[in-house]
PDB file of N, CA and C in Angstrom:
ATOM      1  N   MET A   1     118.525 111.854 104.349  1.00  0.00           N
ATOM      2  CA  MET A   1     119.750 111.125 104.676  1.00  0.00           C
ATOM      3  C   MET A   1     120.946 111.727 104.035  1.00  0.00           C
ATOM      4  N   ASN A   2     122.032 111.881 104.602  1.00  0.00           N
ATOM      5  CA  ASN A   2     123.258 112.594 104.093  1.00  0.00           C
ATOM      6  C   ASN A   2     123.886 111.707 103.079  1.00  0.00           C
ATOM      7  N   THR A   3     123.870 112.141 101.830  1.00  0.00           N
ATOM      8  CA  THR A   3     124.401 111.251 100.752  1.00  0.00           C
ATOM      9  C   THR A   3     125.946 111.285 100.815  1.00  0.00           C
ATOM     10  N   ASN A   4     126.605 112.191 101.578  1.00  0.00           N
ATOM     11  CA  ASN A   4     128.010 112.231 101.726  1.00  0.00           C
ATOM     12  C   ASN A   4     128.422 110.908 102.517  1.00  0.00           C
ATOM     13  N   PHE A   5     127.615 110.467 103.428  1.00  0.00           N
ATOM     14  CA  PHE A   5     127.896 109.318 104.311  1.00  0.00           C
ATOM     15  C   PHE A   5     127.787 108.152 103.389  1.00  0.00           C
ATOM     16  N   LEU A   6     126.834 108.152 102.618  1.00  0.00           N
ATOM     17  CA  LEU A   6     126.428 107.038 101.728  1.00  0.00           C
ATOM     18  C   LEU A   6     127.553 106.761 100.671  1.00  0.00           C
ATOM     19  N   GLU A   7     128.008 107.917 100.195  1.00  0.00           N
ATOM     20  CA  GLU A   7     129.207 107.854  99.217  1.00  0.00           C
ATOM     21  C   GLU A   7     130.475 107.271 100.000  1.00  0.00           C
ATOM     22  N   LYS A   8     130.684 107.700 101.078  1.00  0.00           N
ATOM     23  CA  LYS A   8     132.000 107.239 101.885  1.00  0.00           C
ATOM     24  C   LYS A   8     131.814 105.842 102.022  1.00  0.00           C
ATOM     25  N   LEU A   9     130.594 105.312 102.400  1.00  0.00           N
ATOM     26  CA  LEU A   9     130.317 103.885 102.641  1.00  0.00           C
ATOM     27  C   LEU A   9     130.326 103.091 101.481  1.00  0.00           C
ATOM     28  N   GLU A  10     130.302 103.677 100.226  1.00  0.00           N
ATOM     29  CA  GLU A  10     130.143 103.114  98.986  1.00  0.00           C
ATOM     30  C   GLU A  10     128.841 102.383  98.768  1.00  0.00           C
ATOM     31  N   PHE A  11     127.785 102.932  99.462  1.00  0.00           N
ATOM     32  CA  PHE A  11     126.459 102.370  99.454  1.00  0.00           C
ATOM     33  C   PHE A  11     125.960 102.152  98.003  1.00  0.00           C
ATOM     34  N   TYR A  12     126.213 102.930  97.153  1.00  0.00           N
ATOM     35  CA  TYR A  12     125.575 102.894  95.838  1.00  0.00           C
ATOM     36  C   TYR A  12     126.304 101.778  95.008  1.00  0.00           C
ATOM     37  N   LYS A  13     127.624 101.481  95.322  1.00  0.00           N
ATOM     38  CA  LYS A  13     128.225 100.322  94.694  1.00  0.00           C
ATOM     39  C   LYS A  13     127.629  99.069  95.129  1.00  0.00           C
ATOM     40  N   ILE A  14     127.294  98.985  96.456  1.00  0.00           N
ATOM     41  CA  ILE A  14     126.677  97.736  97.063  1.00  0.00           C
ATOM     42  C   ILE A  14     125.386  97.572  96.463  1.00  0.00           C
ATOM     43  N   VAL A  15     124.628  98.601  96.218  1.00  0.00           N
ATOM     44  CA  VAL A  15     123.321  98.545  95.666  1.00  0.00           C
ATOM     45  C   VAL A  15     123.309  97.970  94.232  1.00  0.00           C
ATOM     46  N   GLU A  16     124.300  98.471  93.488  1.00  0.00           N
ATOM     47  CA  GLU A  16     124.601  97.990  92.143  1.00  0.00           C
ATOM     48  C   GLU A  16     124.858  96.503  92.104  1.00  0.00           C
ATOM     49  N   MET A  17     125.819  96.023  93.035  1.00  0.00           N
ATOM     50  CA  MET A  17     126.183  94.660  93.044  1.00  0.00           C
ATOM     51  C   MET A  17     124.959  93.788  93.430  1.00  0.00           C
ATOM     52  N   VAL A  18     124.286  94.345  94.383  1.00  0.00           N
ATOM     53  CA  VAL A  18     122.989  93.467  94.731  1.00  0.00           C
ATOM     54  C   VAL A  18     122.024  93.425  93.610  1.00  0.00           C
ATOM     55  N   SER A  19     121.825  94.521  92.904  1.00  0.00           N
ATOM     56  CA  SER A  19     120.906  94.460  91.778  1.00  0.00           C
ATOM     57  C   SER A  19     121.481  93.586  90.638  1.00  0.00           C
ATOM     58  N   ASN A  20     122.706  93.380  90.490  1.00  0.00           N
ATOM     59  CA  ASN A  20     123.329  92.549  89.467  1.00  0.00           C
ATOM     60  C   ASN A  20     123.033  91.119  89.785  1.00  0.00           C
ATOM     61  N   PHE A  21     122.685  90.664  90.856  1.00  0.00           N
ATOM     62  CA  PHE A  21     122.241  89.344  91.304  1.00  0.00           C
ATOM     63  C   PHE A  21     120.835  89.052  90.960  1.00  0.00           C
ATOM     64  N   CYS A  22     120.100  90.014  90.762  1.00  0.00           N
ATOM     65  CA  CYS A  22     118.690  89.898  90.349  1.00  0.00           C
ATOM     66  C   CYS A  22     118.451  89.439  88.910  1.00  0.00           C
ATOM     67  N   ILE A  23     117.483  88.539  88.785  1.00  0.00           N
ATOM     68  CA  ILE A  23     117.238  87.940  87.492  1.00  0.00           C
ATOM     69  C   ILE A  23     116.245  88.792  86.801  1.00  0.00           C
ATOM     70  N   THR A  24     115.189  89.183  87.338  1.00  0.00           N
ATOM     71  CA  THR A  24     114.112  89.836  86.596  1.00  0.00           C
ATOM     72  C   THR A  24     114.265  91.457  86.673  1.00  0.00           C
ATOM     73  N   LYS A  25     113.631  92.009  85.708  1.00  0.00           N
ATOM     74  CA  LYS A  25     113.634  93.524  85.667  1.00  0.00           C
ATOM     75  C   LYS A  25     113.194  94.020  86.916  1.00  0.00           C
ATOM     76  N   GLN A  26     111.989  93.519  87.360  1.00  0.00           N
ATOM     77  CA  GLN A  26     111.379  94.027  88.586  1.00  0.00           C
ATOM     78  C   GLN A  26     112.284  93.822  89.810  1.00  0.00           C
ATOM     79  N   GLY A  27     112.926  92.791  89.931  1.00  0.00           N
ATOM     80  CA  GLY A  27     113.867  92.659  91.120  1.00  0.00           C
ATOM     81  C   GLY A  27     114.997  93.560  90.954  1.00  0.00           C
ATOM     82  N   LYS A  28     115.604  93.907  89.720  1.00  0.00           N
ATOM     83  CA  LYS A  28     116.606  94.808  89.589  1.00  0.00           C
ATOM     84  C   LYS A  28     116.208  96.295  89.980  1.00  0.00           C
ATOM     85  N   GLU A  29     114.913  96.474  89.639  1.00  0.00           N
ATOM     86  CA  GLU A  29     114.395  97.847  90.034  1.00  0.00           C
ATOM     87  C   GLU A  29     114.055  98.002  91.458  1.00  0.00           C
ATOM     88  N   LEU A  30     113.785  96.965  92.183  1.00  0.00           N
ATOM     89  CA  LEU A  30     113.591  96.935  93.572  1.00  0.00           C
ATOM     90  C   LEU A  30     114.756  97.129  94.289  1.00  0.00           C
ATOM     91  N   ALA A  31     115.784  96.357  93.879  1.00  0.00           N
ATOM     92  CA  ALA A  31     117.118  96.407  94.398  1.00  0.00           C
ATOM     93  C   ALA A  31     117.673  97.828  94.281  1.00  0.00           C
ATOM     94  N   SER A  32     117.571  98.206  93.117  1.00  0.00           N
ATOM     95  CA  SER A  32     118.286  99.650  92.747  1.00  0.00           C
ATOM     96  C   SER A  32     117.696 100.844  93.590  1.00  0.00           C
ATOM     97  N   ASN A  33     116.459 100.601  94.116  1.00  0.00           N
ATOM     98  CA  ASN A  33     115.847 101.719  94.857  1.00  0.00           C
ATOM     99  C   ASN A  33     115.885 101.391  96.297  1.00  0.00           C
ATOM    100  N   LEU A  34     116.758 100.454  96.635  1.00  0.00           N
ATOM    101  CA  LEU A  34     117.066 100.332  98.159  1.00  0.00           C
ATOM    102  C   LEU A  34     117.631 101.608  98.812  1.00  0.00           C
ATOM    103  N   VAL A  35     117.139 101.968  99.972  1.00  0.00           N
ATOM    104  CA  VAL A  35     117.636 103.134 100.780  1.00  0.00           C
ATOM    105  C   VAL A  35     117.812 102.610 102.132  1.00  0.00           C
ATOM    106  N   PRO A  36     118.683 103.140 102.903  1.00  0.00           N
ATOM    107  CA  PRO A  36     118.830 102.862 104.358  1.00  0.00           C
ATOM    108  C   PRO A  36     117.715 103.544 105.109  1.00  0.00           C
ATOM    109  N   SER A  37     117.460 103.068 106.316  1.00  0.00           N
ATOM    110  CA  SER A  37     116.466 103.725 107.107  1.00  0.00           C
ATOM    111  C   SER A  37     117.080 104.065 108.453  1.00  0.00           C
ATOM    112  N   ASN A  38     116.713 105.154 109.081  1.00  0.00           N
ATOM    113  CA  ASN A  38     117.160 105.566 110.399  1.00  0.00           C
ATOM    114  C   ASN A  38     115.971 105.526 111.365  1.00  0.00           C
ATOM    115  N   GLU A  39     114.909 104.887 111.005  1.00  0.00           N
ATOM    116  CA  GLU A  39     113.862 104.623 111.873  1.00  0.00           C
ATOM    117  C   GLU A  39     113.971 103.356 112.555  1.00  0.00           C
ATOM    118  N   LYS A  40     114.274 103.296 113.969  1.00  0.00           N
ATOM    119  CA  LYS A  40     114.561 102.085 114.642  1.00  0.00           C
ATOM    120  C   LYS A  40     113.624 101.046 114.521  1.00  0.00           C
ATOM    121  N   ALA A  41     112.327 101.402 114.566  1.00  0.00           N
ATOM    122  CA  ALA A  41     111.175 100.423 114.573  1.00  0.00           C
ATOM    123  C   ALA A  41     111.188  99.646 113.225  1.00  0.00           C
ATOM    124  N   LYS A  42     111.339 100.512 112.140  1.00  0.00           N
ATOM    125  CA  LYS A  42     111.348  99.995 110.772  1.00  0.00           C
ATOM    126  C   LYS A  42     112.578  99.100 110.535  1.00  0.00           C
ATOM    127  N   VAL A  43     113.718  99.435 111.021  1.00  0.00           N
ATOM    128  CA  VAL A  43     114.790  98.505 110.989  1.00  0.00           C
ATOM    129  C   VAL A  43     114.749  97.198 111.666  1.00  0.00           C
ATOM    130  N   GLU A  44     114.061  97.375 112.917  1.00  0.00           N
ATOM    131  CA  GLU A  44     113.839  96.068 113.650  1.00  0.00           C
ATOM    132  C   GLU A  44     112.925  95.194 112.947  1.00  0.00           C
ATOM    133  N   GLN A  45     111.898  95.782 112.333  1.00  0.00           N
ATOM    134  CA  GLN A  45     110.797  94.974 111.627  1.00  0.00           C
ATOM    135  C   GLN A  45     111.416  94.378 110.368  1.00  0.00           C
ATOM    136  N   LEU A  46     112.335  95.016 109.658  1.00  0.00           N
ATOM    137  CA  LEU A  46     113.005  94.396 108.496  1.00  0.00           C
ATOM    138  C   LEU A  46     113.854  93.331 108.822  1.00  0.00           C
ATOM    139  N   LEU A  47     114.576  93.558 110.066  1.00  0.00           N
ATOM    140  CA  LEU A  47     115.533  92.447 110.403  1.00  0.00           C
ATOM    141  C   LEU A  47     114.877  91.230 110.942  1.00  0.00           C
ATOM    142  N   GLN A  48     113.677  91.445 111.525  1.00  0.00           N
ATOM    143  CA  GLN A  48     112.786  90.261 111.859  1.00  0.00           C
ATOM    144  C   GLN A  48     112.416  89.505 110.663  1.00  0.00           C
ATOM    145  N   GLU A  49     112.047  90.049 109.515  1.00  0.00           N
ATOM    146  CA  GLU A  49     111.667  89.490 108.337  1.00  0.00           C
ATOM    147  C   GLU A  49     112.689  88.581 107.656  1.00  0.00           C
ATOM    148  N   THR A  50     114.067  88.865 107.912  1.00  0.00           N
ATOM    149  CA  THR A  50     115.134  88.013 107.550  1.00  0.00           C
ATOM    150  C   THR A  50     115.483  86.931 108.326  1.00  0.00           C
ATOM    151  N   ARG A  51     114.768  86.681 109.461  1.00  0.00           N
ATOM    152  CA  ARG A  51     115.219  85.599 110.426  1.00  0.00           C
ATOM    153  C   ARG A  51     114.243  84.437 110.238  1.00  0.00           C
TER     154      ARG A  51
END
């Protein structure tokens, strides 16, 4: 994935903000390791999990 796009979108700032909402160390680690996906099937599966 092109990190230049992620920087322009301030993706890393968003990830940091999300991790700050986490209470446990494990949650913070999981949130800090979030990465976007460009695999359509994977994105659709993850979206279904949030509904």
